[in-house]
N, C-alpha and C. Protein backbone atom coordinates (compact mmCIF):
# COMPACT_ATOMS: atom_id res chain seq x y z
N MET A 1 1.04 -0.86 0.11
CA MET A 1 0.02 0.50 0.21
C MET A 1 0.43 1.43 -0.04
N LYS A 2 1.97 1.47 0.91
CA LYS A 2 2.83 2.35 1.09
C LYS A 2 3.44 2.74 -0.70
N LYS A 3 3.78 1.87 -1.03
CA LYS A 3 4.50 1.99 -2.29
C LYS A 3 3.28 2.77 -3.48
N PHE A 4 2.07 2.01 -3.36
CA PHE A 4 0.84 2.68 -4.32
C PHE A 4 0.93 3.85 -3.84
N ALA A 5 0.87 4.18 -2.42
CA ALA A 5 0.74 5.64 -2.19
C ALA A 5 1.92 6.62 -2.89
N GLU A 6 2.48 6.24 -2.78
CA GLU A 6 4.24 7.01 -3.09
C GLU A 6 4.16 6.94 -4.51
N SER A 7 3.66 5.76 -5.19
CA SER A 7 3.15 6.20 -6.66
C SER A 7 2.70 7.36 -7.07
N THR A 8 1.03 7.51 -6.59
CA THR A 8 0.18 7.95 -6.72
C THR A 8 1.01 9.52 -6.45
N CYS A 9 1.61 9.66 -5.30
CA CYS A 9 1.92 11.19 -5.24
C CYS A 9 2.84 11.34 -6.18
N ARG A 10 3.86 10.68 -7.11
CA ARG A 10 4.39 10.59 -7.90
C ARG A 10 3.89 11.25 -9.13
N LYS A 11 2.78 10.57 -9.14
CA LYS A 11 2.22 10.95 -10.68
C LYS A 11 0.94 12.00 -10.79
N VAL A 12 0.86 12.75 -9.26
CA VAL A 12 -0.08 13.67 -8.82
C VAL A 12 0.72 14.82 -8.98
N THR A 13 2.06 14.84 -8.71
CA THR A 13 2.80 15.96 -8.08
C THR A 13 3.87 15.83 -10.15
N SER A 14 3.55 14.70 -11.02
CA SER A 14 4.32 14.62 -12.47
C SER A 14 3.14 15.97 -13.29
N LEU A 15 2.01 15.51 -12.97
CA LEU A 15 0.74 16.12 -13.17
C LEU A 15 0.27 17.43 -13.06
N ARG A 16 0.87 17.72 -11.64
CA ARG A 16 0.66 19.08 -11.38
C ARG A 16 1.80 19.93 -12.73
N SER A 17 3.17 19.68 -12.30
CA SER A 17 4.06 19.96 -12.98
C SER A 17 3.81 20.51 -14.39
N THR A 18 3.48 19.01 -14.90
CA THR A 18 2.98 19.24 -16.41
C THR A 18 1.76 20.68 -16.74
N VAL A 19 0.94 20.66 -16.03
CA VAL A 19 -0.05 21.24 -16.13
C VAL A 19 0.28 22.70 -15.94
N GLU A 20 0.94 22.74 -14.99
CA GLU A 20 1.94 24.19 -14.69
C GLU A 20 2.75 24.72 -15.87
N SER A 21 3.30 24.08 -16.39
CA SER A 21 3.80 24.19 -17.65
C SER A 21 3.09 24.55 -19.08
N ILE A 22 2.39 23.90 -18.79
CA ILE A 22 0.78 24.23 -20.30
C ILE A 22 0.46 26.13 -19.74
N MET A 23 -0.05 25.93 -18.87
CA MET A 23 -0.35 27.21 -17.65
C MET A 23 0.35 28.51 -18.11
N ILE A 24 1.89 28.26 -17.81
CA ILE A 24 2.86 29.35 -18.71
C ILE A 24 2.99 29.85 -20.22
N ILE A 25 3.03 28.78 -20.31
CA ILE A 25 2.86 28.60 -22.03
C ILE A 25 1.77 29.21 -22.52
N LEU A 26 0.75 28.86 -21.87
CA LEU A 26 -0.61 29.43 -22.13
C LEU A 26 -0.89 30.86 -21.98
N VAL A 27 -0.39 31.23 -21.03
CA VAL A 27 -0.32 32.76 -20.61
C VAL A 27 0.27 33.01 -21.60
N SER A 28 1.56 32.90 -21.95
CA SER A 28 2.38 33.27 -23.02
C SER A 28 2.43 33.73 -24.04
N TYR A 29 1.27 32.90 -24.62
CA TYR A 29 0.71 33.08 -25.92
C TYR A 29 -0.29 33.90 -26.26
N VAL A 30 -1.36 34.17 -25.11
CA VAL A 30 -1.98 34.75 -24.76
C VAL A 30 -1.65 36.67 -24.85
N GLU A 31 -0.70 36.43 -24.51
CA GLU A 31 -0.12 37.96 -23.85
C GLU A 31 0.54 38.35 -25.04
N LYS A 32 1.35 37.44 -26.36
CA LYS A 32 1.52 37.62 -27.75
C LYS A 32 0.45 38.02 -28.56
N GLY A 33 -0.73 37.19 -28.37
CA GLY A 33 -1.65 37.59 -28.76
C GLY A 33 -2.50 38.49 -29.11
N LEU A 34 -2.81 39.15 -27.82
CA LEU A 34 -3.63 40.36 -26.93
C LEU A 34 -3.03 41.53 -27.72
N GLN A 35 -1.35 41.53 -27.74
CA GLN A 35 -0.59 42.26 -28.21
C GLN A 35 -0.97 43.25 -29.85
N ILE A 36 -1.98 41.77 -30.83
CA ILE A 36 -2.36 42.66 -32.32
C ILE A 36 -3.53 42.97 -32.08
N GLN A 37 -3.93 42.94 -31.02
CA GLN A 37 -5.47 43.18 -30.59
C GLN A 37 -6.87 43.01 -31.31
N PRO A 38 -6.70 41.79 -31.39
CA PRO A 38 -8.18 41.01 -32.03
C PRO A 38 -9.56 41.39 -31.41
N GLU A 39 -10.28 41.35 -32.53
CA GLU A 39 -11.75 41.44 -32.19
C GLU A 39 -12.01 40.50 -30.77
N PHE A 40 -11.47 39.60 -30.63
CA PHE A 40 -11.97 39.06 -29.58
C PHE A 40 -11.42 37.66 -29.54
N LEU A 41 -10.90 37.22 -28.15
CA LEU A 41 -9.81 36.03 -27.62
C LEU A 41 -11.37 35.18 -27.28
N MET A 42 -10.86 33.79 -27.91
CA MET A 42 -11.52 32.23 -27.50
C MET A 42 -10.37 31.40 -26.86
N ILE A 43 -10.62 31.24 -25.89
CA ILE A 43 -9.84 30.10 -24.97
C ILE A 43 -10.60 28.99 -25.37
N GLY A 44 -9.66 28.39 -26.04
CA GLY A 44 -10.14 27.18 -27.04
C GLY A 44 -9.62 25.81 -26.04
N VAL A 45 -9.20 25.78 -24.74
CA VAL A 45 -9.23 24.28 -24.37
C VAL A 45 -10.29 23.76 -23.14
N SER A 46 -11.37 23.31 -23.53
CA SER A 46 -11.82 22.83 -23.22
C SER A 46 -11.21 22.13 -22.33
N GLY A 47 -10.55 21.55 -22.14
CA GLY A 47 -9.89 20.21 -21.45
C GLY A 47 -9.66 20.38 -20.22
N LEU A 48 -9.64 22.05 -20.32
CA LEU A 48 -9.48 22.51 -18.90
C LEU A 48 -10.66 22.16 -17.98
N LEU A 49 -11.52 22.14 -18.11
CA LEU A 49 -13.07 21.72 -17.70
C LEU A 49 -13.72 20.65 -17.73
N THR A 50 -13.50 19.61 -18.70
CA THR A 50 -14.15 18.50 -19.07
C THR A 50 -13.18 17.47 -18.76
N LEU A 51 -11.70 17.35 -18.63
CA LEU A 51 -10.79 16.51 -18.32
C LEU A 51 -10.64 16.27 -17.07
N GLN A 52 -11.05 17.09 -15.98
CA GLN A 52 -10.67 17.61 -15.00
C GLN A 52 -11.54 17.09 -14.15
N SER A 53 -11.36 16.85 -12.63
CA SER A 53 -12.73 17.02 -11.90
C SER A 53 -12.68 18.36 -11.08
N PRO A 54 -14.06 18.61 -10.56
CA PRO A 54 -13.82 20.25 -10.07
C PRO A 54 -12.98 20.75 -9.11
N LYS A 55 -12.28 19.76 -8.42
CA LYS A 55 -11.51 20.28 -7.55
C LYS A 55 -10.24 20.33 -8.27
N ARG A 56 -9.79 19.81 -8.40
CA ARG A 56 -8.41 20.52 -9.55
C ARG A 56 -8.75 20.47 -10.69
N PHE A 57 -9.78 21.05 -11.22
CA PHE A 57 -10.35 22.54 -11.84
C PHE A 57 -10.16 23.32 -11.33
N ARG A 58 -10.66 23.82 -9.61
CA ARG A 58 -10.11 24.61 -9.02
C ARG A 58 -8.93 25.13 -8.89
N GLU A 59 -8.03 23.93 -8.73
CA GLU A 59 -6.48 24.23 -8.29
C GLU A 59 -5.76 24.60 -9.03
N LEU A 60 -6.04 23.61 -10.11
CA LEU A 60 -5.13 24.01 -11.46
C LEU A 60 -5.40 24.58 -12.33
N SER A 61 -6.42 24.70 -12.94
CA SER A 61 -6.73 25.63 -14.05
C SER A 61 -7.32 27.01 -14.06
N LEU A 62 -8.18 26.89 -12.99
CA LEU A 62 -8.91 28.03 -12.30
C LEU A 62 -8.24 29.19 -12.45
N PRO A 63 -7.36 29.20 -11.96
CA PRO A 63 -6.38 30.49 -11.40
C PRO A 63 -5.47 30.96 -13.02
N THR A 64 -5.24 30.21 -13.77
CA THR A 64 -4.67 30.44 -15.30
C THR A 64 -5.99 31.33 -15.84
N LEU A 65 -7.11 30.52 -15.99
CA LEU A 65 -8.11 30.95 -16.61
C LEU A 65 -8.66 32.04 -15.97
N LYS A 66 -8.40 32.41 -14.80
CA LYS A 66 -8.66 34.15 -14.27
C LYS A 66 -7.99 35.03 -15.03
N LYS A 67 -6.12 34.78 -14.84
CA LYS A 67 -5.46 35.42 -15.05
C LYS A 67 -5.64 35.92 -16.32
N ILE A 68 -6.43 35.16 -17.43
CA ILE A 68 -6.32 35.10 -18.86
C ILE A 68 -7.27 35.93 -19.29
N THR A 69 -8.04 35.74 -18.65
CA THR A 69 -9.89 36.39 -18.73
C THR A 69 -9.55 37.87 -18.26
N LYS A 70 -8.65 38.00 -17.06
CA LYS A 70 -8.30 39.46 -16.75
C LYS A 70 -7.45 40.16 -17.16
N MET A 71 -6.32 39.73 -18.11
CA MET A 71 -5.78 40.15 -19.21
C MET A 71 -6.22 40.59 -20.64
N ALA A 72 -7.80 39.59 -21.04
CA ALA A 72 -8.37 40.05 -21.98
C ALA A 72 -9.01 41.22 -21.68
N ARG A 73 -9.34 41.61 -20.59
CA ARG A 73 -10.24 42.11 -19.94
C ARG A 73 -9.57 43.96 -19.71
N GLU A 74 -8.70 43.84 -19.49
CA GLU A 74 -7.75 44.90 -19.24
C GLU A 74 -7.27 45.52 -20.21
N ALA A 75 -7.46 44.80 -21.68
CA ALA A 75 -7.24 45.34 -23.05
C ALA A 75 -8.15 45.52 -23.72
N TYR A 76 -9.32 45.12 -22.84
CA TYR A 76 -10.79 45.54 -23.78
C TYR A 76 -10.98 44.58 -24.82
N ILE A 77 -10.63 43.65 -24.79
CA ILE A 77 -10.87 42.50 -25.52
C ILE A 77 -11.78 41.34 -24.96
N PRO A 78 -12.95 41.59 -25.88
CA PRO A 78 -14.10 40.26 -25.15
C PRO A 78 -13.38 38.72 -25.10
N SER A 79 -13.69 37.83 -23.91
CA SER A 79 -13.19 36.45 -24.40
C SER A 79 -14.41 35.45 -23.53
N HIS A 80 -13.92 34.62 -24.34
CA HIS A 80 -14.86 33.39 -24.19
C HIS A 80 -14.37 32.07 -23.82
N LEU A 81 -14.97 31.15 -23.42
CA LEU A 81 -13.85 29.98 -23.34
C LEU A 81 -14.95 29.23 -23.82
N HIS A 82 -14.58 28.58 -25.16
CA HIS A 82 -14.94 27.10 -25.31
C HIS A 82 -14.98 26.06 -24.89
N SER A 83 -16.09 25.28 -24.89
CA SER A 83 -16.09 23.90 -24.26
C SER A 83 -17.10 22.92 -24.90
N CYS A 84 -15.96 21.85 -25.33
CA CYS A 84 -16.99 20.88 -25.94
C CYS A 84 -17.44 20.01 -25.11
N GLY A 85 -18.68 19.50 -24.81
CA GLY A 85 -19.27 18.88 -24.30
C GLY A 85 -20.60 19.05 -23.52
N GLY A 86 -21.58 18.12 -23.09
CA GLY A 86 -22.81 18.67 -23.00
C GLY A 86 -23.20 18.72 -20.92
N GLU A 87 -24.20 18.21 -20.95
CA GLU A 87 -24.35 18.66 -19.79
C GLU A 87 -23.82 19.06 -18.59
N GLU A 88 -22.96 17.50 -18.76
CA GLU A 88 -22.24 17.58 -17.63
C GLU A 88 -21.02 18.87 -17.24
N THR A 89 -20.64 19.51 -18.75
CA THR A 89 -20.12 20.39 -18.78
C THR A 89 -20.22 21.69 -17.82
N ALA A 90 -21.96 21.87 -18.72
CA ALA A 90 -22.71 22.94 -17.85
C ALA A 90 -22.66 23.42 -16.93
N ALA A 91 -22.67 21.77 -16.30
CA ALA A 91 -22.80 21.85 -14.62
C ALA A 91 -21.48 21.55 -13.65
N LEU A 92 -20.43 21.70 -14.27
CA LEU A 92 -19.46 22.35 -13.99
C LEU A 92 -18.91 23.69 -14.28
N LEU A 93 -19.45 24.44 -15.41
CA LEU A 93 -19.52 25.99 -15.39
C LEU A 93 -20.32 26.39 -14.37
N GLN A 94 -21.40 26.40 -13.76
CA GLN A 94 -22.25 26.07 -12.90
C GLN A 94 -21.19 26.31 -11.70
N LEU A 95 -20.37 25.69 -11.53
CA LEU A 95 -19.25 25.27 -9.77
C LEU A 95 -18.30 26.70 -10.26
N VAL A 96 -17.67 27.42 -11.37
CA VAL A 96 -17.21 28.12 -11.29
C VAL A 96 -17.86 29.70 -10.94
């Protein structure tokens, strides 16, 4: 059981590291994209919502999503989050 717990902890740490790296890249991409002043910003990473539990979404993705939407708002660029999914996704969005 101890080995399983240690393995699980390593996987969660690795996942968190990977997600954090992706979020840094995403923020950088948005910074560059906003410089050209597009008509709107579509945040097209629906996996942020649909592939995580609500707890993990709040912990790993929501801070970056808030940062990106704030960046767009400060640049006076409307933004929206594209999300492939059905009712489950809609229910998750209500949690945000």
